[in-house]
Amino acid sequence: MRDRVLTVEGKREEDDTKTSFLHQGIAVCGFQRQFQLAEHVEVKGAKLEDGLLHVDLERIVPEEKKPRRIAINAPELKTIEGSKVA
C-alpha cells in the first residue's frame, strides 16, 4: 500500500506440465487492480480462502477527529401556552 492506494495483483505461475484442456474457464493472463482507501483506513491482513481474496480493513480515527459532546449552558427555557382558536 502506498499513498492510500491498495494494489492487488496476481500472476499465474509457470506450470512445467503440458496439460491440454478441453475448456479452461479462467483467463491465463495476470491482473492488477487498485483501490483508493479513505483517510485513516489501514490494511490489517489478507487471506485467500476458497478462491476468494479477503482483505481486512480497519478505520482508525484519531481522538481529535472523533465527534464530541459539548454541554450548552443556557438560561432555563419556559413553555409558552397558546389559546385555542375556534
N, C-alpha and C. Protein backbone atom coordinates (compact mmCIF):
# COMPACT_ATOMS: atom_id res chain seq x y z
N MET A 1 0.85 -1.17 0.00
CA MET A 1 0.00 0.00 0.00
C MET A 1 0.90 1.23 0.00
N ARG A 2 0.58 2.17 -0.87
CA ARG A 2 1.37 3.39 -0.98
C ARG A 2 0.43 4.55 -1.26
N ASP A 3 0.57 5.64 -0.51
CA ASP A 3 -0.24 6.85 -0.69
C ASP A 3 -1.73 6.55 -0.69
N ARG A 4 -2.19 5.76 0.27
CA ARG A 4 -3.59 5.37 0.45
C ARG A 4 -4.17 4.67 -0.79
N VAL A 5 -3.33 3.99 -1.55
CA VAL A 5 -3.79 3.19 -2.69
C VAL A 5 -3.40 1.75 -2.42
N LEU A 6 -4.40 0.87 -2.37
CA LEU A 6 -4.16 -0.55 -2.18
C LEU A 6 -4.11 -1.19 -3.56
N THR A 7 -3.01 -1.86 -3.86
CA THR A 7 -2.84 -2.51 -5.16
C THR A 7 -2.85 -4.02 -4.97
N VAL A 8 -3.74 -4.68 -5.70
CA VAL A 8 -3.84 -6.14 -5.67
C VAL A 8 -3.46 -6.62 -7.07
N GLU A 9 -2.47 -7.51 -7.13
CA GLU A 9 -2.09 -8.04 -8.44
C GLU A 9 -1.84 -9.53 -8.34
N GLY A 10 -2.07 -10.20 -9.43
CA GLY A 10 -1.88 -11.64 -9.48
C GLY A 10 -1.22 -12.05 -10.77
N LYS A 11 -0.40 -13.07 -10.67
CA LYS A 11 0.28 -13.64 -11.83
C LYS A 11 0.12 -15.14 -11.78
N ARG A 12 -0.04 -15.74 -12.89
CA ARG A 12 -0.13 -17.19 -12.95
C ARG A 12 1.29 -17.76 -12.99
N GLU A 13 1.55 -18.70 -12.09
CA GLU A 13 2.86 -19.33 -12.07
C GLU A 13 3.01 -20.25 -13.26
N GLU A 14 4.23 -20.33 -13.77
CA GLU A 14 4.51 -21.21 -14.90
C GLU A 14 4.38 -22.66 -14.46
N ASP A 15 3.65 -23.43 -15.24
CA ASP A 15 3.44 -24.84 -14.93
C ASP A 15 4.27 -25.67 -15.90
N ASP A 16 5.12 -26.54 -15.38
CA ASP A 16 6.00 -27.34 -16.23
C ASP A 16 5.27 -28.46 -16.96
N THR A 17 4.14 -28.91 -16.42
CA THR A 17 3.41 -30.00 -17.06
C THR A 17 2.63 -29.45 -18.24
N LYS A 18 2.67 -30.16 -19.32
CA LYS A 18 1.96 -29.77 -20.55
C LYS A 18 0.62 -30.51 -20.57
N THR A 19 -0.38 -29.89 -19.98
CA THR A 19 -1.70 -30.49 -19.92
C THR A 19 -2.60 -29.77 -20.91
N SER A 20 -3.36 -30.53 -21.67
CA SER A 20 -4.30 -29.91 -22.61
C SER A 20 -5.70 -29.97 -21.99
N PHE A 21 -6.41 -28.88 -22.12
CA PHE A 21 -7.75 -28.77 -21.57
C PHE A 21 -8.75 -28.66 -22.70
N LEU A 22 -9.92 -29.23 -22.51
CA LEU A 22 -11.00 -29.04 -23.46
C LEU A 22 -11.54 -27.62 -23.33
N HIS A 23 -11.69 -27.16 -22.09
CA HIS A 23 -12.13 -25.79 -21.84
C HIS A 23 -11.47 -25.31 -20.55
N GLN A 24 -10.87 -24.13 -20.60
CA GLN A 24 -10.27 -23.53 -19.43
C GLN A 24 -11.01 -22.23 -19.16
N GLY A 25 -11.77 -22.20 -18.06
CA GLY A 25 -12.69 -21.10 -17.80
C GLY A 25 -12.05 -19.79 -17.40
N ILE A 26 -10.95 -19.83 -16.69
CA ILE A 26 -10.33 -18.60 -16.19
C ILE A 26 -9.17 -18.23 -17.10
N ALA A 27 -9.08 -16.94 -17.40
CA ALA A 27 -8.02 -16.45 -18.29
C ALA A 27 -6.65 -16.69 -17.66
N VAL A 28 -5.67 -16.85 -18.50
CA VAL A 28 -4.31 -17.16 -18.05
C VAL A 28 -3.53 -15.88 -17.74
N CYS A 29 -3.98 -14.76 -18.20
CA CYS A 29 -3.21 -13.52 -18.04
C CYS A 29 -3.26 -13.03 -16.58
N GLY A 30 -2.28 -12.21 -16.22
CA GLY A 30 -2.23 -11.63 -14.88
C GLY A 30 -3.18 -10.45 -14.80
N PHE A 31 -3.31 -9.90 -13.61
CA PHE A 31 -4.19 -8.76 -13.42
C PHE A 31 -3.59 -7.84 -12.36
N GLN A 32 -4.08 -6.61 -12.37
CA GLN A 32 -3.70 -5.64 -11.36
C GLN A 32 -4.91 -4.74 -11.12
N ARG A 33 -5.26 -4.55 -9.86
CA ARG A 33 -6.41 -3.72 -9.51
C ARG A 33 -5.99 -2.79 -8.38
N GLN A 34 -6.37 -1.51 -8.47
CA GLN A 34 -6.01 -0.55 -7.44
C GLN A 34 -7.27 0.00 -6.79
N PHE A 35 -7.21 0.19 -5.48
CA PHE A 35 -8.33 0.71 -4.71
C PHE A 35 -7.86 1.93 -3.93
N GLN A 36 -8.60 3.02 -4.04
CA GLN A 36 -8.29 4.23 -3.28
C GLN A 36 -8.92 4.09 -1.89
N LEU A 37 -8.10 4.13 -0.86
CA LEU A 37 -8.58 3.98 0.50
C LEU A 37 -8.88 5.34 1.10
N ALA A 38 -9.89 5.38 1.95
CA ALA A 38 -10.26 6.62 2.63
C ALA A 38 -9.18 6.97 3.66
N GLU A 39 -9.26 8.18 4.15
CA GLU A 39 -8.31 8.63 5.16
C GLU A 39 -8.50 7.83 6.44
N HIS A 40 -7.44 7.50 7.11
CA HIS A 40 -7.41 6.76 8.37
C HIS A 40 -7.84 5.30 8.22
N VAL A 41 -7.76 4.72 7.04
CA VAL A 41 -8.07 3.30 6.83
C VAL A 41 -6.75 2.56 6.65
N GLU A 42 -6.60 1.47 7.41
CA GLU A 42 -5.39 0.67 7.34
C GLU A 42 -5.73 -0.76 6.97
N VAL A 43 -4.82 -1.39 6.23
CA VAL A 43 -4.97 -2.80 5.88
C VAL A 43 -4.40 -3.62 7.01
N LYS A 44 -5.22 -4.48 7.61
CA LYS A 44 -4.79 -5.29 8.75
C LYS A 44 -4.33 -6.68 8.32
N GLY A 45 -4.80 -7.18 7.19
CA GLY A 45 -4.39 -8.51 6.75
C GLY A 45 -5.16 -8.92 5.51
N ALA A 46 -4.77 -10.06 4.96
CA ALA A 46 -5.44 -10.60 3.78
C ALA A 46 -5.28 -12.11 3.80
N LYS A 47 -6.28 -12.80 3.24
CA LYS A 47 -6.19 -14.25 3.14
C LYS A 47 -6.93 -14.71 1.89
N LEU A 48 -6.45 -15.81 1.34
CA LEU A 48 -7.07 -16.43 0.17
C LEU A 48 -7.79 -17.67 0.65
N GLU A 49 -9.10 -17.69 0.51
CA GLU A 49 -9.91 -18.79 1.04
C GLU A 49 -10.96 -19.18 0.01
N ASP A 50 -10.97 -20.43 -0.39
CA ASP A 50 -11.93 -20.96 -1.38
C ASP A 50 -11.91 -20.16 -2.68
N GLY A 51 -10.74 -19.71 -3.08
CA GLY A 51 -10.61 -18.98 -4.33
C GLY A 51 -10.99 -17.51 -4.25
N LEU A 52 -11.31 -17.01 -3.05
CA LEU A 52 -11.66 -15.61 -2.86
C LEU A 52 -10.62 -14.92 -1.99
N LEU A 53 -10.28 -13.70 -2.36
CA LEU A 53 -9.33 -12.92 -1.58
C LEU A 53 -10.11 -12.06 -0.60
N HIS A 54 -9.81 -12.21 0.69
CA HIS A 54 -10.43 -11.42 1.74
C HIS A 54 -9.38 -10.44 2.27
N VAL A 55 -9.69 -9.14 2.20
CA VAL A 55 -8.78 -8.12 2.70
C VAL A 55 -9.43 -7.48 3.92
N ASP A 56 -8.74 -7.49 5.05
CA ASP A 56 -9.26 -6.92 6.28
C ASP A 56 -8.82 -5.47 6.39
N LEU A 57 -9.80 -4.56 6.45
CA LEU A 57 -9.53 -3.13 6.58
C LEU A 57 -10.05 -2.66 7.93
N GLU A 58 -9.37 -1.68 8.50
CA GLU A 58 -9.82 -1.10 9.76
C GLU A 58 -9.71 0.41 9.68
N ARG A 59 -10.78 1.07 10.10
CA ARG A 59 -10.79 2.53 10.12
C ARG A 59 -10.39 2.98 11.52
N ILE A 60 -9.28 3.68 11.60
CA ILE A 60 -8.75 4.17 12.87
C ILE A 60 -8.82 5.69 12.84
N VAL A 61 -9.79 6.23 13.60
CA VAL A 61 -9.97 7.68 13.64
C VAL A 61 -9.23 8.23 14.86
N PRO A 62 -8.38 9.22 14.65
CA PRO A 62 -7.67 9.80 15.80
C PRO A 62 -8.66 10.47 16.77
N GLU A 63 -8.26 10.57 18.01
CA GLU A 63 -9.14 11.11 19.06
C GLU A 63 -9.60 12.52 18.73
N GLU A 64 -8.74 13.33 18.13
CA GLU A 64 -9.13 14.72 17.84
C GLU A 64 -10.14 14.82 16.68
N LYS A 65 -10.32 13.76 15.91
CA LYS A 65 -11.28 13.76 14.81
C LYS A 65 -12.62 13.14 15.19
N LYS A 66 -12.69 12.49 16.35
CA LYS A 66 -13.93 11.84 16.77
C LYS A 66 -14.94 12.90 17.21
N PRO A 67 -16.25 12.62 17.03
CA PRO A 67 -17.26 13.59 17.47
C PRO A 67 -17.25 13.73 18.99
N ARG A 68 -17.50 14.95 19.46
CA ARG A 68 -17.51 15.23 20.89
C ARG A 68 -18.89 15.72 21.31
N ARG A 69 -19.22 15.51 22.57
CA ARG A 69 -20.46 16.03 23.14
C ARG A 69 -20.09 17.25 23.95
N ILE A 70 -20.72 18.38 23.63
CA ILE A 70 -20.43 19.65 24.30
C ILE A 70 -21.70 20.09 25.02
N ALA A 71 -21.59 20.33 26.32
CA ALA A 71 -22.74 20.80 27.09
C ALA A 71 -22.98 22.27 26.79
N ILE A 72 -24.25 22.63 26.65
CA ILE A 72 -24.63 24.02 26.38
C ILE A 72 -25.24 24.61 27.64
N ASN A 73 -24.64 25.65 28.14
CA ASN A 73 -25.16 26.36 29.30
C ASN A 73 -26.09 27.46 28.81
N ALA A 74 -27.38 27.34 29.10
CA ALA A 74 -28.36 28.32 28.64
C ALA A 74 -29.34 28.58 29.78
N PRO A 75 -29.97 29.76 29.78
CA PRO A 75 -30.99 30.00 30.81
C PRO A 75 -32.14 29.02 30.64
N GLU A 76 -32.85 28.81 31.72
CA GLU A 76 -33.95 27.85 31.70
C GLU A 76 -35.01 28.30 30.69
N LEU A 77 -35.47 27.39 29.88
CA LEU A 77 -36.47 27.72 28.86
C LEU A 77 -37.86 27.56 29.46
N LYS A 78 -38.78 28.45 29.06
CA LYS A 78 -40.15 28.38 29.56
C LYS A 78 -41.06 27.95 28.43
N THR A 79 -42.10 27.20 28.79
CA THR A 79 -43.05 26.75 27.81
C THR A 79 -44.11 27.84 27.63
N ILE A 80 -44.40 28.17 26.40
CA ILE A 80 -45.42 29.18 26.10
C ILE A 80 -46.66 28.44 25.66
N GLU A 81 -47.75 28.66 26.38
CA GLU A 81 -49.01 28.01 26.02
C GLU A 81 -49.89 29.01 25.29
N GLY A 82 -50.44 28.59 24.20
CA GLY A 82 -51.32 29.47 23.43
C GLY A 82 -52.78 29.14 23.69
N SER A 83 -53.66 30.07 23.34
CA SER A 83 -55.09 29.83 23.50
C SER A 83 -55.63 29.13 22.27
N LYS A 84 -56.71 28.38 22.46
CA LYS A 84 -57.31 27.67 21.34
C LYS A 84 -58.05 28.64 20.44
N VAL A 85 -57.93 28.44 19.19
CA VAL A 85 -58.64 29.26 18.21
C VAL A 85 -59.85 28.47 17.75
N ALA A 86 -61.06 29.14 17.74
CA ALA A 86 -62.28 28.44 17.37
C ALA A 86 -62.40 28.25 15.90
